[in-house]
């Protein structure tokens, strides 16, 4: 049974930072590409970032390039999303996603507001 559990969301002021975590269980973590998606209020779910199995390759949506960094820790079966210089338009529920098998986490709310 694959489970993805996100944490680290919250309320932050514009320009602030947050680090999201996604702990994976029930599979061989190192075999799979992992990704983050988000869904803002009244919007479609959209791709944010992805990291390769080894962690050596990352890919980002244009809207977050230069501000967000995705990484993974194989020893902890966890992926991270470091979010810097947050903007109000980054407000969304952030979801961890494993493309192989299409597994989603439950989501964590990020709100950027003064």
Protein backbone atom coordinates (compact mmCIF):
# COMPACT_ATOMS: atom_id res chain seq x y z
CA UNK A 1 0.00 0.00 0.00
CA UNK A 2 1.68 3.19 -1.20
CA UNK A 3 1.17 6.23 1.00
CA UNK A 4 2.38 9.79 0.47
CA UNK A 5 2.06 12.15 3.41
CA UNK A 6 2.76 15.86 2.98
CA UNK A 7 3.62 18.32 5.73
CA UNK A 8 5.07 21.79 6.16
CA UNK A 9 2.31 23.99 4.80
CA UNK A 10 1.05 27.09 6.54
CA UNK A 11 0.53 30.83 6.40
CA UNK A 12 3.47 32.98 5.31
CA UNK A 13 3.91 36.61 4.30
CA UNK A 14 4.89 37.57 0.75
CA UNK A 15 8.62 37.18 0.31
CA UNK A 16 8.78 34.46 2.94
CA UNK A 17 9.83 30.83 2.71
CA UNK A 18 8.41 27.40 3.49
CA UNK A 19 9.70 23.88 3.08
CA UNK A 20 7.23 21.14 2.23
CA UNK A 21 7.98 17.48 2.89
CA UNK A 22 6.44 14.34 1.44
CA UNK A 23 7.15 11.07 3.22
CA UNK A 24 6.62 7.98 1.09
CA UNK A 25 5.92 4.45 2.27
CA UNK A 26 4.88 1.16 0.74
CA UNK A 27 7.22 1.09 -2.24
CA UNK A 28 10.86 1.17 -3.26
CA UNK A 29 11.27 4.91 -3.11
CA UNK A 30 14.47 5.16 -5.12
CA UNK A 31 12.87 3.59 -8.20
CA UNK A 32 10.47 6.40 -8.90
CA UNK A 33 10.35 9.92 -10.23
CA UNK A 34 8.42 12.14 -7.82
CA UNK A 35 6.59 15.40 -8.38
CA UNK A 36 4.72 18.25 -6.74
CA UNK A 37 1.48 19.70 -8.06
CA UNK A 38 -0.71 22.47 -6.70
CA UNK A 39 -4.30 23.64 -6.96
CA UNK A 40 -5.15 27.24 -6.23
CA UNK A 41 -8.65 28.47 -5.38
CA UNK A 42 -10.85 28.19 -8.44
CA UNK A 43 -8.01 26.83 -10.55
CA UNK A 44 -7.04 23.56 -12.19
CA UNK A 45 -4.38 21.40 -10.58
CA UNK A 46 -1.02 22.29 -12.12
CA UNK A 47 2.49 20.87 -12.26
CA UNK A 48 5.06 22.55 -10.00
CA UNK A 49 8.23 20.45 -9.97
CA UNK A 50 9.64 16.96 -10.49
CA UNK A 51 12.80 15.13 -9.48
CA UNK A 52 14.37 12.08 -11.10
CA UNK A 53 14.95 8.75 -9.35
CA UNK A 54 18.52 9.64 -8.53
CA UNK A 55 17.76 13.22 -7.61
CA UNK A 56 20.20 14.40 -10.24
CA UNK A 57 17.63 15.96 -12.55
CA UNK A 58 14.88 18.39 -11.66
CA UNK A 59 12.25 20.18 -13.70
CA UNK A 60 10.13 23.19 -12.77
CA UNK A 61 7.12 25.12 -13.95
CA UNK A 62 8.12 28.50 -15.37
CA UNK A 63 6.14 30.24 -12.64
CA UNK A 64 8.39 28.85 -9.87
CA UNK A 65 11.80 28.62 -11.56
CA UNK A 66 14.49 30.34 -9.53
CA UNK A 67 12.32 30.39 -6.40
CA UNK A 68 11.48 26.74 -5.68
CA UNK A 69 13.88 23.82 -5.29
CA UNK A 70 12.84 20.17 -5.22
CA UNK A 71 15.08 17.53 -3.69
CA UNK A 72 14.93 14.01 -2.27
CA UNK A 73 16.50 12.04 0.55
CA UNK A 74 16.64 8.32 -0.17
CA UNK A 75 17.56 7.40 3.39
CA UNK A 76 14.38 9.05 4.65
CA UNK A 77 12.11 8.14 1.69
CA UNK A 78 11.18 11.80 1.54
CA UNK A 79 11.00 14.51 -1.09
CA UNK A 80 11.11 18.19 -0.32
CA UNK A 81 9.99 21.43 -1.92
CA UNK A 82 11.89 24.46 -0.70
CA UNK A 83 9.85 27.54 -1.58
CA UNK A 84 11.48 30.96 -1.37
CA UNK A 85 10.28 34.46 -2.23
CA UNK A 86 6.69 33.30 -1.98
CA UNK A 87 3.99 35.31 -3.74
CA UNK A 88 0.24 35.52 -3.12
CA UNK A 89 -0.31 33.63 -6.38
CA UNK A 90 1.53 30.65 -4.85
CA UNK A 91 -1.44 30.17 -2.50
CA UNK A 92 -2.72 26.65 -3.13
CA UNK A 93 -3.05 23.15 -1.82
CA UNK A 94 0.22 21.39 -2.65
CA UNK A 95 0.14 17.70 -3.53
CA UNK A 96 2.90 15.13 -3.69
CA UNK A 97 2.58 12.78 -6.67
CA UNK A 98 4.21 9.54 -7.81
CA UNK A 99 3.55 9.21 -11.55
CA UNK A 100 4.12 5.45 -11.60
CA UNK A 101 0.83 4.11 -10.34
CA UNK A 102 -0.59 7.67 -10.10
CA UNK A 103 -0.41 7.98 -6.33
CA UNK A 104 -1.35 11.28 -4.67
CA UNK A 105 -0.90 12.59 -1.17
CA UNK A 106 -3.72 14.27 0.74
CA UNK A 107 -2.31 17.76 0.19
CA UNK A 108 -1.03 20.54 2.41
CA UNK A 109 -2.33 24.12 2.35
CA UNK A 110 0.04 26.99 1.62
CA UNK A 111 -1.33 30.50 2.06
CA UNK A 112 0.74 33.56 1.15
CA UNK A 113 -0.80 36.70 2.56
CA UNK A 114 0.08 39.80 4.52
